[in-house]
PDB file of N, CA and C in Angstrom:
ATOM      1  N   MET A   1    -113.894  19.766 122.321  1.00  0.00           N
ATOM      2  CA  MET A   1    -114.071  20.669 121.294  1.00  0.00           C
ATOM      3  C   MET A   1    -112.258  21.397 121.078  1.00  0.00           C
ATOM      4  N   LYS A   2    -112.023  21.871 121.600  1.00  0.00           N
ATOM      5  CA  LYS A   2    -110.534  22.126 121.537  1.00  0.00           C
ATOM      6  C   LYS A   2    -109.978  21.011 120.546  1.00  0.00           C
ATOM      7  N   ARG A   3    -109.677  19.744 120.927  1.00  0.00           N
ATOM      8  CA  ARG A   3    -109.067  19.018 120.385  1.00  0.00           C
ATOM      9  C   ARG A   3    -108.797  18.743 118.905  1.00  0.00           C
ATOM     10  N   LYS A   4    -110.674  19.060 118.699  1.00  0.00           N
ATOM     11  CA  LYS A   4    -110.848  18.876 116.650  1.00  0.00           C
ATOM     12  C   LYS A   4    -110.177  19.949 116.249  1.00  0.00           C
ATOM     13  N   ALA A   5    -110.424  21.444 117.297  1.00  0.00           N
ATOM     14  CA  ALA A   5    -110.085  22.298 116.825  1.00  0.00           C
ATOM     15  C   ALA A   5    -108.337  22.257 115.730  1.00  0.00           C
ATOM     16  N   LEU A   6    -108.079  21.815 117.196  1.00  0.00           N
ATOM     17  CA  LEU A   6    -106.744  21.532 116.872  1.00  0.00           C
ATOM     18  C   LEU A   6    -106.291  20.405 115.388  1.00  0.00           C
ATOM     19  N   ILE A   7    -106.944  19.529 115.733  1.00  0.00           N
ATOM     20  CA  ILE A   7    -106.822  18.976 114.647  1.00  0.00           C
ATOM     21  C   ILE A   7    -107.313  19.606 113.266  1.00  0.00           C
ATOM     22  N   ALA A   8    -108.482  19.900 113.556  1.00  0.00           N
ATOM     23  CA  ALA A   8    -108.533  20.215 112.071  1.00  0.00           C
ATOM     24  C   ALA A   8    -107.810  21.588 111.394  1.00  0.00           C
ATOM     25  N   SER A   9    -106.973  22.647 112.593  1.00  0.00           N
ATOM     26  CA  SER A   9    -105.788  23.520 112.418  1.00  0.00           C
ATOM     27  C   SER A   9    -104.744  22.757 111.403  1.00  0.00           C
ATOM     28  N   ILE A  10    -103.979  21.256 112.537  1.00  0.00           N
ATOM     29  CA  ILE A  10    -103.252  20.684 111.475  1.00  0.00           C
ATOM     30  C   ILE A  10    -103.695  20.527 110.290  1.00  0.00           C
ATOM     31  N   ALA A  11    -105.104  19.554 110.013  1.00  0.00           N
ATOM     32  CA  ALA A  11    -105.004  19.701 108.783  1.00  0.00           C
ATOM     33  C   ALA A  11    -105.432  20.364 107.967  1.00  0.00           C
ATOM     34  N   LEU A  12    -105.434  21.406 107.935  1.00  0.00           N
ATOM     35  CA  LEU A  12    -105.548  22.517 106.983  1.00  0.00           C
ATOM     36  C   LEU A  12    -103.732  23.460 106.553  1.00  0.00           C
ATOM     37  N   ILE A  13    -103.233  23.216 107.925  1.00  0.00           N
ATOM     38  CA  ILE A  13    -102.215  23.273 107.560  1.00  0.00           C
ATOM     39  C   ILE A  13    -101.041  22.232 106.173  1.00  0.00           C
ATOM     40  N   VAL A  14    -101.743  21.042 106.828  1.00  0.00           N
ATOM     41  CA  VAL A  14    -101.019  20.205 105.990  1.00  0.00           C
ATOM     42  C   VAL A  14    -101.589  20.202 104.933  1.00  0.00           C
ATOM     43  N   ILE A  15    -102.691  19.952 104.275  1.00  0.00           N
ATOM     44  CA  ILE A  15    -103.562  20.379 103.342  1.00  0.00           C
ATOM     45  C   ILE A  15    -102.997  21.608 102.577  1.00  0.00           C
ATOM     46  N   GLY A  16    -103.278  22.511 103.107  1.00  0.00           N
ATOM     47  CA  GLY A  16    -102.114  23.898 102.674  1.00  0.00           C
ATOM     48  C   GLY A  16    -101.030  23.747 101.888  1.00  0.00           C
ATOM     49  N   PHE A  17    -100.195  23.426 102.551  1.00  0.00           N
ATOM     50  CA  PHE A  17     -99.071  23.109 102.549  1.00  0.00           C
ATOM     51  C   PHE A  17     -98.731  22.554 100.903  1.00  0.00           C
ATOM     52  N   ILE A  18     -99.732  21.033 101.215  1.00  0.00           N
ATOM     53  CA  ILE A  18     -99.691  20.058 100.009  1.00  0.00           C
ATOM     54  C   ILE A  18     -99.758  20.889  98.851  1.00  0.00           C
ATOM     55  N   SER A  19    -101.327  21.252  98.900  1.00  0.00           N
ATOM     56  CA  SER A  19    -102.014  21.503  97.608  1.00  0.00           C
ATOM     57  C   SER A  19    -101.079  23.415  96.912  1.00  0.00           C
ATOM     58  N   ALA A  20    -100.553  23.614  97.557  1.00  0.00           N
ATOM     59  CA  ALA A  20     -99.119  24.390  97.389  1.00  0.00           C
ATOM     60  C   ALA A  20     -98.115  24.424  96.660  1.00  0.00           C
ATOM     61  N   ARG A  21     -97.652  23.099  97.751  1.00  0.00           N
ATOM     62  CA  ARG A  21     -96.492  22.656  96.504  1.00  0.00           C
ATOM     63  C   ARG A  21     -96.470  21.909  95.686  1.00  0.00           C
ATOM     64  N   LEU A  22     -98.092  21.166  95.155  1.00  0.00           N
ATOM     65  CA  LEU A  22     -98.507  20.446  93.679  1.00  0.00           C
ATOM     66  C   LEU A  22     -98.915  21.758  92.984  1.00  0.00           C
ATOM     67  N   GLY A  23     -99.043  22.880  92.767  1.00  0.00           N
ATOM     68  CA  GLY A  23    -100.032  23.764  92.426  1.00  0.00           C
ATOM     69  C   GLY A  23     -98.165  24.579  92.245  1.00  0.00           C
ATOM     70  N   ASP A  24     -97.611  24.969  92.974  1.00  0.00           N
ATOM     71  CA  ASP A  24     -96.136  24.846  92.224  1.00  0.00           C
ATOM     72  C   ASP A  24     -95.449  24.072  91.502  1.00  0.00           C
ATOM     73  N   THR A  25     -96.111  22.858  91.763  1.00  0.00           N
ATOM     74  CA  THR A  25     -94.860  22.060  90.357  1.00  0.00           C
ATOM     75  C   THR A  25     -95.697  21.931  89.014  1.00  0.00           C
ATOM     76  N   ILE A  26     -97.101  22.238  89.114  1.00  0.00           N
ATOM     77  CA  ILE A  26     -97.705  22.127  87.576  1.00  0.00           C
ATOM     78  C   ILE A  26     -97.556  23.315  87.202  1.00  0.00           C
ATOM     79  N   SER A  27     -96.953  24.725  88.249  1.00  0.00           N
ATOM     80  CA  SER A  27     -97.509  25.494  87.116  1.00  0.00           C
ATOM     81  C   SER A  27     -96.249  25.786  85.607  1.00  0.00           C
ATOM     82  N   THR A  28     -96.528  26.729  84.718  1.00  0.00           N
ATOM     83  CA  THR A  28     -95.877  26.922  83.698  1.00  0.00           C
ATOM     84  C   THR A  28     -95.446  28.210  82.938  1.00  0.00           C
ATOM     85  N   VAL A  29     -94.917  28.088  82.062  1.00  0.00           N
ATOM     86  CA  VAL A  29     -94.142  28.993  82.037  1.00  0.00           C
ATOM     87  C   VAL A  29     -94.486  29.597  80.688  1.00  0.00           C
ATOM     88  N   ASN A  30     -95.583  30.382  80.385  1.00  0.00           N
ATOM     89  CA  ASN A  30     -95.395  30.237  78.843  1.00  0.00           C
ATOM     90  C   ASN A  30     -94.499  31.422  77.966  1.00  0.00           C
ATOM     91  N   GLU A  31     -95.314  31.050  76.580  1.00  0.00           N
ATOM     92  CA  GLU A  31     -94.111  31.685  75.673  1.00  0.00           C
ATOM     93  C   GLU A  31     -94.017  33.022  75.494  1.00  0.00           C
ATOM     94  N   SER A  32     -94.507  34.485  76.490  1.00  0.00           N
ATOM     95  CA  SER A  32     -93.876  35.443  76.512  1.00  0.00           C
ATOM     96  C   SER A  32     -92.818  35.507  78.085  1.00  0.00           C
ATOM     97  N   GLY A  33     -93.021  34.515  78.846  1.00  0.00           N
ATOM     98  CA  GLY A  33     -91.630  34.048  79.875  1.00  0.00           C
ATOM     99  C   GLY A  33     -92.077  34.721  80.749  1.00  0.00           C
ATOM    100  N   MET A  34     -94.244  35.100  80.937  1.00  0.00           N
ATOM    101  CA  MET A  34     -94.569  34.983  82.603  1.00  0.00           C
ATOM    102  C   MET A  34     -94.860  33.741  82.975  1.00  0.00           C
ATOM    103  N   VAL A  35     -95.251  33.328  83.658  1.00  0.00           N
ATOM    104  CA  VAL A  35     -94.835  32.177  85.117  1.00  0.00           C
ATOM    105  C   VAL A  35     -96.792  32.087  84.637  1.00  0.00           C
ATOM    106  N   GLN A  36     -97.005  30.583  85.237  1.00  0.00           N
ATOM    107  CA  GLN A  36     -98.686  30.497  85.019  1.00  0.00           C
ATOM    108  C   GLN A  36     -99.333  29.794  86.149  1.00  0.00           C
ATOM    109  N   ASP A  37     -99.415  30.439  87.326  1.00  0.00           N
ATOM    110  CA  ASP A  37     -99.343  29.717  88.074  1.00  0.00           C
ATOM    111  C   ASP A  37    -100.840  29.037  88.454  1.00  0.00           C
ATOM    112  N   SER A  38    -101.520  27.166  88.821  1.00  0.00           N
ATOM    113  CA  SER A  38    -102.547  27.219  88.474  1.00  0.00           C
ATOM    114  C   SER A  38    -103.243  27.626  89.827  1.00  0.00           C
ATOM    115  N   ILE A  39    -104.622  27.175  90.001  1.00  0.00           N
ATOM    116  CA  ILE A  39    -105.294  27.678  90.612  1.00  0.00           C
ATOM    117  C   ILE A  39    -105.453  26.606  92.334  1.00  0.00           C
ATOM    118  N   LEU A  40    -104.459  25.507  92.400  1.00  0.00           N
ATOM    119  CA  LEU A  40    -103.409  25.048  93.790  1.00  0.00           C
ATOM    120  C   LEU A  40    -102.821  26.090  94.522  1.00  0.00           C
ATOM    121  N   MET A  41    -101.907  26.975  94.138  1.00  0.00           N
ATOM    122  CA  MET A  41    -101.991  27.726  94.805  1.00  0.00           C
ATOM    123  C   MET A  41    -101.962  29.179  95.540  1.00  0.00           C
ATOM    124  N   PRO A  42    -103.293  29.286  95.007  1.00  0.00           N
ATOM    125  CA  PRO A  42    -103.694  30.712  96.487  1.00  0.00           C
ATOM    126  C   PRO A  42    -104.750  29.423  96.940  1.00  0.00           C
ATOM    127  N   ILE A  43    -104.987  28.919  96.817  1.00  0.00           N
ATOM    128  CA  ILE A  43    -106.020  27.669  97.285  1.00  0.00           C
ATOM    129  C   ILE A  43    -105.177  27.192  98.765  1.00  0.00           C
ATOM    130  N   GLY A  44    -103.943  26.679  98.058  1.00  0.00           N
ATOM    131  CA  GLY A  44    -102.950  26.094  99.139  1.00  0.00           C
ATOM    132  C   GLY A  44    -102.679  27.461 100.177  1.00  0.00           C
ATOM    133  N   ALA A  45    -102.115  28.165  99.166  1.00  0.00           N
ATOM    134  CA  ALA A  45    -102.248  29.531 100.156  1.00  0.00           C
ATOM    135  C   ALA A  45    -102.638  30.296 101.874  1.00  0.00           C
ATOM    136  N   VAL A  46    -104.414  30.214 100.861  1.00  0.00           N
ATOM    137  CA  VAL A  46    -105.388  30.895 101.948  1.00  0.00           C
ATOM    138  C   VAL A  46    -105.472  29.399 103.045  1.00  0.00           C
ATOM    139  N   LEU A  47    -105.291  27.836 102.558  1.00  0.00           N
ATOM    140  CA  LEU A  47    -106.128  27.093 103.324  1.00  0.00           C
ATOM    141  C   LEU A  47    -104.888  26.612 104.502  1.00  0.00           C
ATOM    142  N   PHE A  48    -103.568  27.472 104.112  1.00  0.00           N
ATOM    143  CA  PHE A  48    -101.845  27.143 105.120  1.00  0.00           C
ATOM    144  C   PHE A  48    -102.527  28.694 105.917  1.00  0.00           C
ATOM    145  N   MET A  49    -102.431  29.984 106.108  1.00  0.00           N
ATOM    146  CA  MET A  49    -103.043  30.658 106.105  1.00  0.00           C
ATOM    147  C   MET A  49    -103.870  30.374 107.631  1.00  0.00           C
ATOM    148  N   LEU A  50    -105.518  29.629 106.678  1.00  0.00           N
ATOM    149  CA  LEU A  50    -106.546  29.266 108.074  1.00  0.00           C
ATOM    150  C   LEU A  50    -105.718  28.523 109.188  1.00  0.00           C
ATOM    151  N   GLY A  51    -105.360  27.790 108.171  1.00  0.00           N
ATOM    152  CA  GLY A  51    -104.602  26.537 109.111  1.00  0.00           C
ATOM    153  C   GLY A  51    -104.211  27.313 110.698  1.00  0.00           C
ATOM    154  N   LEU A  52    -102.383  28.159 110.134  1.00  0.00           N
ATOM    155  CA  LEU A  52    -102.257  28.921 111.574  1.00  0.00           C
ATOM    156  C   LEU A  52    -102.769  29.706 112.273  1.00  0.00           C
ATOM    157  N   LEU A  53    -103.689  30.980 111.519  1.00  0.00           N
ATOM    158  CA  LEU A  53    -104.854  31.614 112.436  1.00  0.00           C
ATOM    159  C   LEU A  53    -105.367  30.496 112.933  1.00  0.00           C
ATOM    160  N   THR A  54    -106.279  29.648 112.639  1.00  0.00           N
ATOM    161  CA  THR A  54    -106.707  28.360 113.674  1.00  0.00           C
ATOM    162  C   THR A  54    -106.189  27.926 114.936  1.00  0.00           C
ATOM    163  N   LEU A  55    -104.734  27.615 114.206  1.00  0.00           N
ATOM    164  CA  LEU A  55    -103.499  27.418 115.231  1.00  0.00           C
ATOM    165  C   LEU A  55    -103.219  28.335 116.375  1.00  0.00           C
ATOM    166  N   VAL A  56    -103.008  29.424 116.184  1.00  0.00           N
ATOM    167  CA  VAL A  56    -102.755  30.674 117.433  1.00  0.00           C
ATOM    168  C   VAL A  56    -104.019  30.631 118.091  1.00  0.00           C
ATOM    169  N   VAL A  57    -105.237  30.654 117.608  1.00  0.00           N
ATOM    170  CA  VAL A  57    -106.827  30.248 118.210  1.00  0.00           C
ATOM    171  C   VAL A  57    -106.767  29.331 119.390  1.00  0.00           C
ATOM    172  N   VAL A  58    -106.407  27.904 119.083  1.00  0.00           N
ATOM    173  CA  VAL A  58    -107.003  27.521 119.500  1.00  0.00           C
ATOM    174  C   VAL A  58    -105.609  27.236 121.193  1.00  0.00           C
ATOM    175  N   ILE A  59    -104.405  27.891 120.484  1.00  0.00           N
ATOM    176  CA  ILE A  59    -103.684  27.863 121.562  1.00  0.00           C
ATOM    177  C   ILE A  59    -103.718  29.006 122.455  1.00  0.00           C
ATOM    178  N   VAL A  60    -104.177  29.612 122.111  1.00  0.00           N
ATOM    179  CA  VAL A  60    -104.547  30.808 122.884  1.00  0.00           C
ATOM    180  C   VAL A  60    -105.653  30.260 123.852  1.00  0.00           C
ATOM    181  N   TRP A  61    -106.143  29.797 123.245  1.00  0.00           N
ATOM    182  CA  TRP A  61    -107.796  29.530 124.406  1.00  0.00           C
ATOM    183  C   TRP A  61    -107.266  27.824 124.800  1.00  0.00           C
ATOM    184  N   TYR A  62    -106.272  27.318 124.916  1.00  0.00           N
ATOM    185  CA  TYR A  62    -106.025  26.468 125.546  1.00  0.00           C
ATOM    186  C   TYR A  62    -104.875  27.093 127.168  1.00  0.00           C
ATOM    187  N   VAL A  63    -104.370  28.119 126.426  1.00  0.00           N
ATOM    188  CA  VAL A  63    -103.341  29.414 127.943  1.00  0.00           C
ATOM    189  C   VAL A  63    -104.720  29.869 128.652  1.00  0.00           C
ATOM    190  N   ILE A  64    -105.561  31.044 127.802  1.00  0.00           N
ATOM    191  CA  ILE A  64    -106.150  31.370 128.805  1.00  0.00           C
ATOM    192  C   ILE A  64    -107.197  29.670 129.624  1.00  0.00           C
ATOM    193  N   GLY A  65    -107.231  28.709 129.353  1.00  0.00           N
ATOM    194  CA  GLY A  65    -108.262  27.095 130.176  1.00  0.00           C
ATOM    195  C   GLY A  65    -106.969  27.462 131.225  1.00  0.00           C
ATOM    196  N   PHE A  66    -105.692  27.431 130.705  1.00  0.00           N
ATOM    197  CA  PHE A  66    -104.682  26.525 131.797  1.00  0.00           C
ATOM    198  C   PHE A  66    -104.385  27.383 132.888  1.00  0.00           C
ATOM    199  N   VAL A  67    -104.480  29.090 132.595  1.00  0.00           N
ATOM    200  CA  VAL A  67    -104.240  30.285 133.227  1.00  0.00           C
ATOM    201  C   VAL A  67    -105.273  30.613 134.583  1.00  0.00           C
ATOM    202  N   ARG A  68    -106.961  30.235 133.515  1.00  0.00           N
ATOM    203  CA  ARG A  68    -108.008  30.153 134.123  1.00  0.00           C
ATOM    204  C   ARG A  68    -107.882  29.074 135.538  1.00  0.00           C
ATOM    205  N   GLY A  69    -107.323  27.943 135.179  1.00  0.00           N
ATOM    206  CA  GLY A  69    -107.140  26.967 136.177  1.00  0.00           C
ATOM    207  C   GLY A  69    -106.604  26.885 137.520  1.00  0.00           C
ATOM    208  N   LYS A  70    -105.396  27.281 136.711  1.00  0.00           N
ATOM    209  CA  LYS A  70    -104.094  27.623 137.539  1.00  0.00           C
ATOM    210  C   LYS A  70    -104.461  28.190 138.654  1.00  0.00           C
ATOM    211  N   PHE A  71    -105.221  29.591 139.117  1.00  0.00           N
ATOM    212  CA  PHE A  71    -105.180  30.749 139.316  1.00  0.00           C
ATOM    213  C   PHE A  71    -106.685  30.268 140.428  1.00  0.00           C
ATOM    214  N   LYS A  72    -107.736  29.351 139.366  1.00  0.00           N
ATOM    215  CA  LYS A  72    -109.130  28.950 140.086  1.00  0.00           C
ATOM    216  C   LYS A  72    -108.663  28.019 140.948  1.00  0.00           C
ATOM    217  N   ASN A  73    -107.804  27.290 141.252  1.00  0.00           N
ATOM    218  CA  ASN A  73    -107.140  26.235 142.433  1.00  0.00           C
ATOM    219  C   ASN A  73    -106.220  27.116 143.609  1.00  0.00           C
ATOM    220  N   GLU A  74    -105.734  28.223 142.975  1.00  0.00           N
ATOM    221  CA  GLU A  74    -104.573  29.404 144.059  1.00  0.00           C
ATOM    222  C   GLU A  74    -106.164  30.017 144.637  1.00  0.00           C
ATOM    223  N   GLN A  75    -107.166  30.046 145.058  1.00  0.00           N
ATOM    224  CA  GLN A  75    -107.994  30.882 145.486  1.00  0.00           C
ATOM    225  C   GLN A  75    -108.820  30.423 146.314  1.00  0.00           C
ATOM    226  N   VAL A  76    -109.084  28.639 146.113  1.00  0.00           N
ATOM    227  CA  VAL A  76    -109.582  27.339 146.837  1.00  0.00           C
ATOM    228  C   VAL A  76    -108.570  27.322 148.400  1.00  0.00           C
TER     229      VAL A  76
END
Protein backbone atom coordinates (compact mmCIF):
# COMPACT_ATOMS: atom_id res chain seq x y z
CA MET A 1 0.00 0.00 0.00
CA LYS A 2 2.80 2.40 0.89
CA ARG A 3 4.62 1.68 -2.35
CA LYS A 4 1.50 2.33 -4.44
CA ALA A 5 0.92 5.62 -2.62
CA LEU A 6 4.56 6.60 -3.23
CA ILE A 7 4.27 5.80 -6.94
CA ALA A 8 0.97 7.70 -7.16
CA SER A 9 2.47 10.76 -5.47
CA ILE A 10 5.46 10.80 -7.81
CA ALA A 11 3.13 10.36 -10.79
CA LEU A 12 0.97 13.28 -9.61
CA ILE A 13 4.04 15.48 -9.21
CA VAL A 14 5.30 14.62 -12.71
CA ILE A 15 1.90 14.99 -14.39
CA GLY A 16 1.27 18.26 -12.54
CA PHE A 17 4.66 19.66 -13.54
CA ILE A 18 4.23 18.66 -17.18
CA SER A 19 0.69 20.06 -17.25
CA ALA A 20 1.76 23.36 -15.69
CA ARG A 21 4.69 23.73 -18.09
CA LEU A 22 2.47 22.91 -21.05
CA GLY A 23 -0.11 25.43 -19.82
CA ASP A 24 2.64 28.01 -19.47
CA THR A 25 3.82 27.53 -23.04
CA ILE A 26 0.35 27.86 -24.57
CA SER A 27 -0.75 30.90 -22.57
CA THR A 28 -1.36 33.97 -24.71
CA VAL A 29 -1.34 37.74 -24.28
CA ASN A 30 -4.46 39.53 -25.48
CA GLU A 31 -4.56 42.98 -27.09
CA SER A 32 -4.83 44.81 -23.75
CA GLY A 33 -1.66 43.17 -22.44
CA MET A 34 -3.33 40.70 -20.07
CA VAL A 35 -1.98 37.15 -19.94
CA GLN A 36 -4.66 34.55 -20.58
CA ASP A 37 -3.67 31.26 -19.00
CA SER A 38 -5.02 28.00 -20.25
CA ILE A 39 -6.89 25.66 -17.91
CA LEU A 40 -3.80 23.42 -17.80
CA MET A 41 -1.92 25.85 -15.56
CA PRO A 42 -4.25 25.67 -12.52
CA ILE A 43 -4.90 21.96 -13.04
CA GLY A 44 -1.16 21.35 -13.13
CA ALA A 45 -0.64 23.38 -9.98
CA VAL A 46 -3.36 21.47 -8.13
CA LEU A 47 -1.98 18.10 -9.23
CA PHE A 48 1.55 19.13 -8.27
CA MET A 49 0.46 20.28 -4.81
CA LEU A 50 -1.64 17.14 -4.31
CA GLY A 51 1.39 15.05 -5.25
CA LEU A 52 3.59 16.91 -2.78
CA LEU A 53 1.02 16.49 -0.02
CA THR A 54 0.73 12.78 -0.75
CA LEU A 55 4.51 12.44 -0.78
CA VAL A 56 4.77 14.10 2.65
CA VAL A 57 2.08 11.76 4.03
CA VAL A 58 3.89 8.70 2.63
CA ILE A 59 7.22 9.83 4.08
CA VAL A 60 5.63 10.35 7.51
CA TRP A 61 3.97 6.94 7.16
CA TYR A 62 7.35 5.31 6.42
CA VAL A 63 9.05 7.09 9.33
CA ILE A 64 6.31 6.09 11.80
CA GLY A 65 6.55 2.46 10.64
CA PHE A 66 10.33 2.53 10.95
CA VAL A 67 10.25 4.02 14.45
CA ARG A 68 7.59 1.56 15.63
CA GLY A 69 9.63 -1.34 14.26
CA LYS A 70 12.77 -0.03 15.92
CA PHE A 71 11.13 0.31 19.34
CA LYS A 72 9.38 -3.05 19.00
CA ASN A 73 12.74 -4.77 18.45
CA GLU A 74 14.33 -3.02 21.46
CA GLN A 75 11.57 -4.09 23.87
CA VAL A 76 11.94 -7.79 23.08
